[in-house]
N, C-alpha and C. Protein backbone atom coordinates (compact mmCIF):
# COMPACT_ATOMS: atom_id res chain seq x y z
N UNK A 1 160.76 19.14 -102.95
CA UNK A 1 159.38 18.68 -103.08
C UNK A 1 159.39 17.27 -103.67
N UNK A 2 158.37 16.48 -103.32
CA UNK A 2 158.32 15.11 -103.82
C UNK A 2 157.38 14.99 -105.01
N UNK A 3 157.71 14.04 -105.87
CA UNK A 3 156.90 13.76 -107.07
C UNK A 3 155.48 13.36 -106.67
N UNK A 4 155.37 12.62 -105.58
CA UNK A 4 154.07 12.13 -105.15
C UNK A 4 153.10 13.25 -104.77
N UNK A 5 153.63 14.43 -104.41
CA UNK A 5 152.76 15.54 -104.00
C UNK A 5 152.35 16.44 -105.17
N UNK A 6 152.84 16.17 -106.37
CA UNK A 6 152.51 16.99 -107.54
C UNK A 6 151.19 16.55 -108.17
N UNK A 7 150.47 17.51 -108.74
CA UNK A 7 149.31 17.19 -109.58
C UNK A 7 149.86 16.64 -110.89
N UNK A 8 149.17 15.66 -111.46
CA UNK A 8 149.66 15.05 -112.69
C UNK A 8 148.54 14.94 -113.73
N UNK A 9 148.95 14.89 -114.98
CA UNK A 9 148.05 14.56 -116.09
C UNK A 9 148.69 13.35 -116.75
N UNK A 10 147.94 12.25 -116.85
CA UNK A 10 148.52 11.03 -117.41
C UNK A 10 147.76 10.54 -118.64
N UNK A 11 148.51 9.95 -119.53
CA UNK A 11 147.92 9.35 -120.74
C UNK A 11 146.90 8.29 -120.35
N UNK A 12 147.22 7.48 -119.36
CA UNK A 12 146.33 6.40 -118.93
C UNK A 12 144.97 6.93 -118.51
N UNK A 13 144.96 7.97 -117.68
CA UNK A 13 143.69 8.53 -117.21
C UNK A 13 142.93 9.22 -118.34
N UNK A 14 143.65 9.95 -119.19
CA UNK A 14 142.98 10.62 -120.31
C UNK A 14 142.31 9.60 -121.23
N UNK A 15 142.99 8.48 -121.43
CA UNK A 15 142.43 7.41 -122.27
C UNK A 15 141.18 6.83 -121.59
N UNK A 16 141.28 6.62 -120.28
CA UNK A 16 140.18 6.07 -119.50
C UNK A 16 138.96 6.99 -119.55
N UNK A 17 139.17 8.29 -119.51
CA UNK A 17 138.09 9.28 -119.51
C UNK A 17 137.60 9.63 -120.91
N UNK A 18 138.18 9.03 -121.95
CA UNK A 18 137.72 9.23 -123.32
C UNK A 18 138.29 10.45 -124.03
N UNK A 19 139.30 11.08 -123.47
CA UNK A 19 139.90 12.26 -124.10
C UNK A 19 140.79 11.90 -125.29
N UNK A 20 141.20 10.65 -125.41
CA UNK A 20 142.11 10.28 -126.48
C UNK A 20 141.41 9.53 -127.61
N UNK A 21 140.10 9.59 -127.62
CA UNK A 21 139.34 9.04 -128.74
C UNK A 21 139.39 10.03 -129.90
N UNK A 22 139.18 9.55 -131.10
CA UNK A 22 139.23 10.40 -132.30
C UNK A 22 138.21 11.53 -132.17
N UNK A 23 138.66 12.75 -132.43
CA UNK A 23 137.78 13.91 -132.38
C UNK A 23 138.28 14.96 -131.40
N UNK A 24 137.37 15.86 -131.03
CA UNK A 24 137.71 16.95 -130.11
C UNK A 24 136.80 16.85 -128.89
N UNK A 25 137.40 16.91 -127.71
CA UNK A 25 136.63 16.79 -126.47
C UNK A 25 137.17 17.79 -125.46
N UNK A 26 136.26 18.45 -124.74
CA UNK A 26 136.65 19.40 -123.71
C UNK A 26 136.10 18.96 -122.37
N UNK A 27 136.77 19.40 -121.30
CA UNK A 27 136.31 19.05 -119.96
C UNK A 27 137.16 19.70 -118.90
N UNK A 28 136.99 19.23 -117.69
CA UNK A 28 137.74 19.74 -116.54
C UNK A 28 138.33 18.57 -115.77
N UNK A 29 139.59 18.72 -115.39
CA UNK A 29 140.25 17.74 -114.53
C UNK A 29 140.41 18.42 -113.17
N UNK A 30 140.06 17.70 -112.11
CA UNK A 30 140.24 18.27 -110.77
C UNK A 30 140.97 17.29 -109.87
N UNK A 31 141.66 17.83 -108.89
CA UNK A 31 142.37 17.04 -107.88
C UNK A 31 141.74 17.34 -106.54
N UNK A 32 141.50 16.29 -105.76
CA UNK A 32 140.86 16.49 -104.46
C UNK A 32 141.52 15.64 -103.39
N UNK A 33 141.27 16.03 -102.17
CA UNK A 33 141.76 15.30 -101.01
C UNK A 33 140.66 15.31 -99.97
N UNK A 34 140.29 14.17 -99.47
CA UNK A 34 139.22 14.02 -98.48
C UNK A 34 137.91 14.66 -98.95
N UNK A 35 137.62 14.53 -100.24
CA UNK A 35 136.39 15.04 -100.80
C UNK A 35 136.39 16.52 -101.12
N UNK A 36 137.47 17.23 -100.79
CA UNK A 36 137.56 18.66 -101.05
C UNK A 36 138.42 18.89 -102.29
N UNK A 37 137.88 19.64 -103.26
CA UNK A 37 138.61 19.93 -104.49
C UNK A 37 139.74 20.91 -104.18
N UNK A 38 140.98 20.51 -104.50
CA UNK A 38 142.14 21.34 -104.24
C UNK A 38 142.48 22.24 -105.43
N UNK A 39 142.35 21.70 -106.64
CA UNK A 39 142.62 22.49 -107.84
C UNK A 39 141.96 21.82 -109.04
N UNK A 40 141.81 22.62 -110.11
CA UNK A 40 141.20 22.10 -111.34
C UNK A 40 141.76 22.85 -112.54
N UNK A 41 141.74 22.16 -113.66
CA UNK A 41 142.18 22.78 -114.91
C UNK A 41 141.22 22.41 -116.02
N UNK A 42 141.14 23.28 -117.02
CA UNK A 42 140.36 22.98 -118.22
C UNK A 42 141.25 22.22 -119.19
N UNK A 43 140.67 21.26 -119.85
CA UNK A 43 141.44 20.47 -120.83
C UNK A 43 140.61 20.30 -122.10
N UNK A 44 141.29 20.39 -123.22
CA UNK A 44 140.65 20.16 -124.51
C UNK A 44 141.59 19.24 -125.30
N UNK A 45 141.07 18.11 -125.72
CA UNK A 45 141.91 17.19 -126.50
C UNK A 45 141.50 17.26 -127.97
N UNK A 46 142.50 17.32 -128.81
CA UNK A 46 142.29 17.32 -130.26
C UNK A 46 143.05 16.11 -130.81
N UNK A 47 142.30 15.09 -131.17
CA UNK A 47 142.89 13.86 -131.70
C UNK A 47 142.35 13.66 -133.11
N UNK A 48 143.13 14.10 -134.08
CA UNK A 48 142.77 13.97 -135.48
C UNK A 48 143.83 13.15 -136.19
N UNK A 49 143.64 12.87 -137.45
CA UNK A 49 144.56 11.99 -138.18
C UNK A 49 145.98 12.53 -138.20
N UNK A 50 146.15 13.82 -138.46
CA UNK A 50 147.50 14.37 -138.62
C UNK A 50 147.94 15.27 -137.46
N UNK A 51 147.11 15.43 -136.47
CA UNK A 51 147.53 16.22 -135.30
C UNK A 51 146.89 15.68 -134.04
N UNK A 52 147.71 15.55 -133.01
CA UNK A 52 147.25 15.07 -131.72
C UNK A 52 147.87 15.96 -130.65
N UNK A 53 147.02 16.59 -129.84
CA UNK A 53 147.52 17.41 -128.75
C UNK A 53 146.41 17.67 -127.74
N UNK A 54 146.82 18.08 -126.55
CA UNK A 54 145.86 18.53 -125.55
C UNK A 54 146.17 19.99 -125.26
N UNK A 55 145.15 20.74 -124.94
CA UNK A 55 145.30 22.14 -124.54
C UNK A 55 144.94 22.24 -123.07
N UNK A 56 145.87 22.72 -122.27
CA UNK A 56 145.65 22.89 -120.84
C UNK A 56 145.37 24.37 -120.58
N UNK A 57 144.34 24.66 -119.80
CA UNK A 57 143.92 26.03 -119.53
C UNK A 57 143.61 26.16 -118.05
N UNK A 58 144.37 27.01 -117.36
CA UNK A 58 144.17 27.19 -115.91
C UNK A 58 144.74 28.52 -115.46
N UNK A 59 144.45 28.85 -114.23
CA UNK A 59 144.98 30.08 -113.63
C UNK A 59 145.91 29.69 -112.49
N UNK A 60 147.02 30.43 -112.42
CA UNK A 60 147.96 30.22 -111.32
C UNK A 60 148.43 31.59 -110.84
N UNK A 61 148.24 31.86 -109.59
CA UNK A 61 148.61 33.16 -109.00
C UNK A 61 148.00 34.32 -109.79
N UNK A 62 146.76 34.15 -110.22
CA UNK A 62 146.06 35.20 -110.95
C UNK A 62 146.41 35.30 -112.43
N UNK A 63 147.39 34.55 -112.89
CA UNK A 63 147.82 34.58 -114.29
C UNK A 63 147.13 33.46 -115.06
N UNK A 64 146.54 33.81 -116.21
CA UNK A 64 145.92 32.81 -117.08
C UNK A 64 147.00 32.09 -117.87
N UNK A 65 146.96 30.78 -117.84
CA UNK A 65 147.95 29.97 -118.55
C UNK A 65 147.20 29.06 -119.51
N UNK A 66 147.61 29.07 -120.77
CA UNK A 66 146.98 28.27 -121.81
C UNK A 66 148.06 27.83 -122.79
N UNK A 67 148.25 26.53 -122.95
CA UNK A 67 149.26 26.02 -123.89
C UNK A 67 148.90 24.62 -124.35
N UNK A 68 149.53 24.22 -125.44
CA UNK A 68 149.31 22.90 -126.03
C UNK A 68 150.44 21.96 -125.65
N UNK A 69 150.09 20.69 -125.50
CA UNK A 69 151.08 19.64 -125.29
C UNK A 69 150.84 18.60 -126.39
N UNK A 70 151.84 18.42 -127.24
CA UNK A 70 151.72 17.45 -128.34
C UNK A 70 151.65 16.02 -127.81
N UNK A 71 150.97 15.18 -128.56
CA UNK A 71 150.89 13.75 -128.27
C UNK A 71 151.39 13.03 -129.51
N UNK A 72 152.29 12.07 -129.30
CA UNK A 72 152.79 11.27 -130.42
C UNK A 72 152.45 9.81 -130.16
N UNK A 73 152.33 9.05 -131.23
CA UNK A 73 152.10 7.61 -131.09
C UNK A 73 153.30 6.88 -131.69
N UNK A 74 153.78 5.92 -130.92
CA UNK A 74 154.96 5.15 -131.31
C UNK A 74 154.55 3.68 -131.35
N UNK A 75 154.98 2.95 -132.38
CA UNK A 75 154.62 1.52 -132.45
C UNK A 75 155.09 0.77 -131.20
N UNK A 76 154.24 -0.10 -130.71
CA UNK A 76 154.57 -0.90 -129.53
C UNK A 76 155.72 -1.85 -129.83
N UNK A 77 156.57 -2.09 -128.85
CA UNK A 77 157.67 -3.02 -129.05
C UNK A 77 157.17 -4.47 -129.13
N UNK A 78 155.91 -4.68 -128.80
CA UNK A 78 155.32 -6.02 -128.91
C UNK A 78 154.70 -6.25 -130.29
N UNK A 79 154.70 -5.19 -131.11
CA UNK A 79 154.15 -5.30 -132.45
C UNK A 79 152.63 -5.25 -132.50
N UNK A 80 152.01 -4.86 -131.39
CA UNK A 80 150.55 -4.81 -131.34
C UNK A 80 150.10 -3.38 -131.06
N UNK A 81 149.74 -2.65 -132.08
CA UNK A 81 149.22 -1.30 -131.89
C UNK A 81 150.29 -0.27 -131.63
N UNK A 82 149.84 0.88 -131.12
CA UNK A 82 150.74 1.99 -130.86
C UNK A 82 150.55 2.50 -129.44
N UNK A 83 151.60 3.08 -128.90
CA UNK A 83 151.59 3.63 -127.55
C UNK A 83 151.62 5.15 -127.67
N UNK A 84 150.75 5.83 -126.92
CA UNK A 84 150.70 7.29 -126.93
C UNK A 84 151.63 7.88 -125.86
N UNK A 85 152.29 8.98 -126.21
CA UNK A 85 153.17 9.70 -125.28
C UNK A 85 152.94 11.19 -125.41
N UNK A 86 153.10 11.90 -124.29
CA UNK A 86 153.17 13.36 -124.35
C UNK A 86 154.57 13.73 -124.81
N UNK A 87 154.71 14.89 -125.47
CA UNK A 87 156.02 15.46 -125.76
C UNK A 87 156.14 16.66 -124.84
N UNK A 88 157.06 16.59 -123.88
CA UNK A 88 157.22 17.66 -122.89
C UNK A 88 157.49 18.98 -123.59
N UNK A 89 156.73 20.04 -123.26
CA UNK A 89 156.94 21.33 -123.91
C UNK A 89 158.30 21.96 -123.58
N UNK A 90 158.93 21.52 -122.50
CA UNK A 90 160.20 22.09 -122.07
C UNK A 90 161.40 21.28 -122.58
N UNK A 91 161.39 19.97 -122.31
CA UNK A 91 162.55 19.13 -122.63
C UNK A 91 162.43 18.42 -123.98
N UNK A 92 161.22 18.27 -124.48
CA UNK A 92 161.02 17.54 -125.73
C UNK A 92 161.03 16.03 -125.53
N UNK A 93 161.16 15.57 -124.28
CA UNK A 93 161.18 14.13 -124.00
C UNK A 93 159.77 13.56 -124.05
N UNK A 94 159.69 12.28 -124.38
CA UNK A 94 158.41 11.58 -124.38
C UNK A 94 158.14 11.07 -122.98
N UNK A 95 156.89 11.18 -122.55
CA UNK A 95 156.52 10.68 -121.23
C UNK A 95 155.04 10.31 -121.22
N UNK A 96 154.66 9.53 -120.26
CA UNK A 96 153.26 9.12 -120.12
C UNK A 96 152.55 9.93 -119.05
N UNK A 97 153.31 10.74 -118.30
CA UNK A 97 152.75 11.53 -117.22
C UNK A 97 153.44 12.88 -117.16
N UNK A 98 152.65 13.94 -117.00
CA UNK A 98 153.19 15.29 -116.85
C UNK A 98 152.95 15.74 -115.41
N UNK A 99 153.95 16.41 -114.83
CA UNK A 99 153.89 16.85 -113.43
C UNK A 99 153.80 18.37 -113.35
N UNK A 100 153.02 18.86 -112.39
CA UNK A 100 152.87 20.30 -112.18
C UNK A 100 153.58 20.68 -110.89
N UNK A 101 154.74 21.32 -111.02
CA UNK A 101 155.51 21.73 -109.85
C UNK A 101 155.80 23.22 -109.87
N UNK A 102 155.59 23.86 -110.99
CA UNK A 102 155.81 25.30 -111.06
C UNK A 102 154.68 25.89 -111.91
N UNK A 103 155.01 26.51 -112.99
CA UNK A 103 154.01 27.16 -113.82
C UNK A 103 153.32 26.20 -114.80
N UNK A 104 154.07 25.22 -115.33
CA UNK A 104 153.56 24.35 -116.38
C UNK A 104 153.58 22.88 -115.95
N UNK A 105 152.82 22.07 -116.70
CA UNK A 105 152.87 20.62 -116.56
C UNK A 105 153.98 20.13 -117.47
N UNK A 106 155.01 19.49 -116.88
CA UNK A 106 156.19 19.08 -117.64
C UNK A 106 156.63 17.67 -117.26
N UNK A 107 157.56 17.14 -118.04
CA UNK A 107 158.24 15.87 -117.74
C UNK A 107 158.96 16.02 -116.40
N UNK A 108 159.04 14.96 -115.61
CA UNK A 108 159.63 15.07 -114.26
C UNK A 108 161.09 15.52 -114.29
N UNK A 109 161.82 15.22 -115.35
CA UNK A 109 163.23 15.62 -115.42
C UNK A 109 163.40 17.10 -115.76
N UNK A 110 162.31 17.80 -116.06
CA UNK A 110 162.39 19.24 -116.33
C UNK A 110 162.57 20.03 -115.03
N UNK A 111 162.28 19.39 -113.90
CA UNK A 111 162.42 20.04 -112.60
C UNK A 111 163.71 19.58 -111.94
N UNK A 112 164.50 20.51 -111.48
CA UNK A 112 165.80 20.18 -110.89
C UNK A 112 165.69 19.52 -109.52
N UNK A 113 164.80 20.00 -108.69
CA UNK A 113 164.75 19.52 -107.30
C UNK A 113 163.43 18.81 -107.00
N UNK A 114 163.10 17.87 -107.84
CA UNK A 114 161.90 17.07 -107.65
C UNK A 114 162.33 15.63 -107.43
N UNK A 115 162.00 15.08 -106.28
CA UNK A 115 162.47 13.74 -105.90
C UNK A 115 161.30 12.85 -105.51
N UNK A 116 161.52 11.53 -105.59
CA UNK A 116 160.58 10.59 -105.03
C UNK A 116 160.74 10.62 -103.52
N UNK A 117 159.66 10.39 -102.77
CA UNK A 117 159.72 10.44 -101.30
C UNK A 117 160.79 9.49 -100.77
N UNK A 118 160.94 8.35 -101.41
CA UNK A 118 161.94 7.36 -100.99
C UNK A 118 163.35 7.95 -101.05
N UNK A 119 163.61 8.82 -102.04
CA UNK A 119 164.94 9.42 -102.18
C UNK A 119 165.23 10.42 -101.06
N UNK A 120 164.20 10.94 -100.43
CA UNK A 120 164.38 11.93 -99.38
C UNK A 120 164.57 11.30 -98.00
N UNK A 121 164.32 9.99 -97.90
CA UNK A 121 164.50 9.29 -96.63
C UNK A 121 165.98 9.00 -96.40
N UNK A 122 166.34 8.91 -95.13
CA UNK A 122 167.73 8.57 -94.80
C UNK A 122 167.97 7.09 -95.07
N UNK A 123 169.24 6.70 -95.19
CA UNK A 123 169.58 5.30 -95.43
C UNK A 123 169.10 4.43 -94.27
N UNK A 124 169.26 4.94 -93.05
CA UNK A 124 168.83 4.18 -91.87
C UNK A 124 167.33 3.95 -91.91
N UNK A 125 166.59 4.98 -92.27
CA UNK A 125 165.14 4.87 -92.35
C UNK A 125 164.72 3.84 -93.39
N UNK A 126 165.35 3.88 -94.57
CA UNK A 126 165.03 2.90 -95.62
C UNK A 126 165.37 1.49 -95.17
N UNK A 127 166.51 1.34 -94.47
CA UNK A 127 166.92 0.03 -93.96
C UNK A 127 165.90 -0.49 -92.95
N UNK A 128 165.48 0.37 -92.02
CA UNK A 128 164.51 -0.04 -91.01
C UNK A 128 163.17 -0.43 -91.63
N UNK A 129 162.74 0.31 -92.63
CA UNK A 129 161.48 -0.01 -93.30
C UNK A 129 161.58 -1.36 -94.02
N UNK A 130 162.72 -1.63 -94.65
CA UNK A 130 162.87 -2.92 -95.36
C UNK A 130 162.84 -4.08 -94.37
N UNK A 131 163.49 -3.92 -93.21
CA UNK A 131 163.46 -4.97 -92.18
C UNK A 131 162.04 -5.09 -91.62
N UNK A 132 161.42 -3.95 -91.36
CA UNK A 132 160.06 -3.94 -90.81
C UNK A 132 159.11 -4.71 -91.75
N UNK A 133 159.25 -4.48 -93.06
CA UNK A 133 158.41 -5.17 -94.04
C UNK A 133 158.63 -6.68 -94.03
N UNK A 134 159.86 -7.09 -93.73
CA UNK A 134 160.16 -8.53 -93.69
C UNK A 134 159.69 -9.16 -92.40
N UNK A 135 159.83 -8.45 -91.28
CA UNK A 135 159.46 -9.00 -89.98
C UNK A 135 157.94 -9.06 -89.82
N UNK A 136 157.27 -7.99 -90.17
CA UNK A 136 155.82 -7.92 -90.02
C UNK A 136 155.17 -8.04 -91.39
N UNK A 137 154.82 -9.27 -91.73
CA UNK A 137 154.22 -9.53 -93.04
C UNK A 137 152.81 -8.94 -93.06
N UNK A 138 152.48 -8.34 -94.16
CA UNK A 138 151.15 -7.77 -94.31
C UNK A 138 150.12 -8.90 -94.40
N UNK A 139 148.92 -8.60 -93.96
CA UNK A 139 147.85 -9.59 -93.98
C UNK A 139 147.54 -10.08 -95.39
N UNK A 140 147.85 -9.21 -96.40
CA UNK A 140 147.57 -9.60 -97.78
C UNK A 140 148.36 -10.85 -98.20
N UNK A 141 149.55 -11.01 -97.63
CA UNK A 141 150.38 -12.18 -97.98
C UNK A 141 149.67 -13.45 -97.53
N UNK A 142 149.17 -13.43 -96.29
CA UNK A 142 148.43 -14.59 -95.81
C UNK A 142 147.11 -14.75 -96.55
N UNK A 143 146.46 -13.64 -96.86
CA UNK A 143 145.16 -13.69 -97.55
C UNK A 143 145.28 -14.30 -98.94
N UNK A 144 146.44 -14.12 -99.60
CA UNK A 144 146.63 -14.68 -100.94
C UNK A 144 146.50 -16.19 -100.94
N UNK A 145 147.03 -16.82 -99.91
CA UNK A 145 146.99 -18.29 -99.85
C UNK A 145 145.55 -18.79 -99.74
N UNK A 146 144.71 -18.00 -99.07
CA UNK A 146 143.33 -18.45 -98.82
C UNK A 146 142.32 -17.88 -99.80
N UNK A 147 142.81 -17.30 -100.91
CA UNK A 147 141.88 -16.82 -101.94
C UNK A 147 141.13 -18.00 -102.54
N UNK A 148 139.98 -17.70 -103.11
CA UNK A 148 139.08 -18.75 -103.61
C UNK A 148 139.74 -19.69 -104.61
N UNK A 149 140.42 -19.17 -105.63
CA UNK A 149 140.96 -20.03 -106.68
C UNK A 149 142.49 -20.10 -106.66
N UNK A 150 143.09 -19.86 -105.50
CA UNK A 150 144.55 -19.90 -105.39
C UNK A 150 145.03 -21.34 -105.47
N UNK A 151 146.00 -21.58 -106.35
CA UNK A 151 146.53 -22.93 -106.52
C UNK A 151 147.87 -23.06 -105.80
N UNK A 152 147.95 -23.99 -104.89
CA UNK A 152 149.21 -24.24 -104.19
C UNK A 152 150.04 -25.26 -104.95
N UNK A 153 149.37 -26.15 -105.66
CA UNK A 153 150.07 -27.21 -106.41
C UNK A 153 149.50 -27.32 -107.82
N UNK A 154 150.38 -27.72 -108.74
CA UNK A 154 149.96 -28.00 -110.11
C UNK A 154 150.76 -29.22 -110.57
N UNK A 155 150.08 -30.24 -111.05
CA UNK A 155 150.72 -31.49 -111.46
C UNK A 155 151.57 -32.09 -110.34
N UNK A 156 151.10 -31.95 -109.11
CA UNK A 156 151.81 -32.54 -107.98
C UNK A 156 152.99 -31.72 -107.48
N UNK A 157 153.28 -30.58 -108.07
CA UNK A 157 154.40 -29.73 -107.64
C UNK A 157 153.86 -28.41 -107.11
N UNK A 158 154.60 -27.82 -106.16
CA UNK A 158 154.21 -26.51 -105.64
C UNK A 158 154.37 -25.47 -106.74
N UNK A 159 153.44 -24.51 -106.82
CA UNK A 159 153.53 -23.45 -107.82
C UNK A 159 154.58 -22.43 -107.38
N UNK A 160 155.13 -21.70 -108.35
CA UNK A 160 156.15 -20.68 -108.05
C UNK A 160 155.59 -19.61 -107.13
N UNK A 161 154.37 -19.22 -107.40
CA UNK A 161 153.73 -18.17 -106.59
C UNK A 161 153.58 -18.63 -105.14
N UNK A 162 153.16 -19.87 -104.93
CA UNK A 162 153.00 -20.42 -103.59
C UNK A 162 154.35 -20.50 -102.88
N UNK A 163 155.39 -20.88 -103.62
CA UNK A 163 156.73 -20.95 -103.03
C UNK A 163 157.22 -19.58 -102.57
N UNK A 164 156.97 -18.54 -103.39
CA UNK A 164 157.38 -17.18 -103.02
C UNK A 164 156.70 -16.73 -101.73
N UNK A 165 155.40 -17.03 -101.63
CA UNK A 165 154.66 -16.64 -100.42
C UNK A 165 155.18 -17.39 -99.21
N UNK A 166 155.44 -18.68 -99.37
CA UNK A 166 155.99 -19.47 -98.26
C UNK A 166 157.36 -18.95 -97.84
N UNK A 167 158.18 -18.54 -98.81
CA UNK A 167 159.50 -17.98 -98.49
C UNK A 167 159.37 -16.70 -97.68
N UNK A 168 158.42 -15.83 -98.02
CA UNK A 168 158.20 -14.60 -97.26
C UNK A 168 157.79 -14.91 -95.82
N UNK A 169 156.91 -15.90 -95.68
CA UNK A 169 156.45 -16.27 -94.33
C UNK A 169 157.59 -16.86 -93.52
N UNK A 170 158.39 -17.75 -94.13
CA UNK A 170 159.53 -18.35 -93.42
C UNK A 170 160.55 -17.30 -93.02
N UNK A 171 160.81 -16.33 -93.89
CA UNK A 171 161.75 -15.26 -93.58
C UNK A 171 161.26 -14.45 -92.37
N UNK A 172 159.98 -14.14 -92.35
CA UNK A 172 159.41 -13.37 -91.23
C UNK A 172 159.52 -14.15 -89.93
N UNK A 173 159.31 -15.45 -90.01
CA UNK A 173 159.37 -16.27 -88.80
C UNK A 173 160.80 -16.53 -88.35
N UNK A 174 161.79 -16.32 -89.23
CA UNK A 174 163.18 -16.59 -88.89
C UNK A 174 163.79 -15.51 -88.00
N UNK A 175 163.19 -14.31 -87.98
CA UNK A 175 163.72 -13.24 -87.13
C UNK A 175 163.34 -13.53 -85.68
N UNK A 176 164.32 -13.45 -84.76
CA UNK A 176 163.99 -13.67 -83.35
C UNK A 176 163.11 -12.53 -82.83
N UNK A 177 162.33 -12.82 -81.81
CA UNK A 177 161.45 -11.78 -81.27
C UNK A 177 162.30 -10.63 -80.74
N UNK A 178 161.81 -9.43 -80.91
CA UNK A 178 162.53 -8.23 -80.45
C UNK A 178 163.51 -7.69 -81.46
N UNK A 179 163.58 -8.27 -82.67
CA UNK A 179 164.53 -7.81 -83.69
C UNK A 179 164.30 -6.35 -84.04
N UNK A 180 163.04 -6.02 -84.28
CA UNK A 180 162.76 -4.64 -84.70
C UNK A 180 163.05 -3.65 -83.58
N UNK A 181 162.75 -4.01 -82.35
CA UNK A 181 163.03 -3.12 -81.21
C UNK A 181 164.52 -2.87 -81.08
N UNK A 182 165.35 -3.91 -81.28
CA UNK A 182 166.80 -3.75 -81.21
C UNK A 182 167.32 -2.83 -82.32
N UNK A 183 166.72 -2.95 -83.50
CA UNK A 183 167.14 -2.10 -84.61
C UNK A 183 166.80 -0.63 -84.34
N UNK A 184 165.67 -0.39 -83.70
CA UNK A 184 165.29 0.99 -83.38
C UNK A 184 166.25 1.63 -82.38
N UNK A 185 166.88 0.82 -81.55
CA UNK A 185 167.80 1.33 -80.54
C UNK A 185 169.16 1.66 -81.13
N UNK A 186 169.43 1.28 -82.39
CA UNK A 186 170.72 1.54 -83.02
C UNK A 186 170.97 3.02 -83.16
């Protein structure tokens, strides 16, 4: 199974939704696809001076599951504030995102056979995709140059960002026509 297909609970989203503000807050998190709700869980956050945790409450295969996940704050390496992390109930590792692949929401390393989709692709497929990305530049690359406040030059010199975009365009133009078709025939 791939990591991308798992339901997740992340510190970033909880902070955005106000669950990590001081106090106690309850609510429901749901996951949907094409407007249809696929699953939902109850969540209660307890953020007090000496204790920080979330309580996850949901049903899976008819079984009620309810447990706490501790949250710790660690000083930022930039010296500005603190960073919040979950403490995985299984591994004890700190993480910013918990994944649901079996019964519980856990750190991704708690699951033995959970991979990123890229890891499941063959080497040939990854190689073809990398060439494809170089040959067929996305429209966003061209659109960046024509953005309203995009600077191509500063103090009479080309900007680094502009040079990178030009390099991508030159690389795409350097491939002879039919390159991708020949690679597919390999």
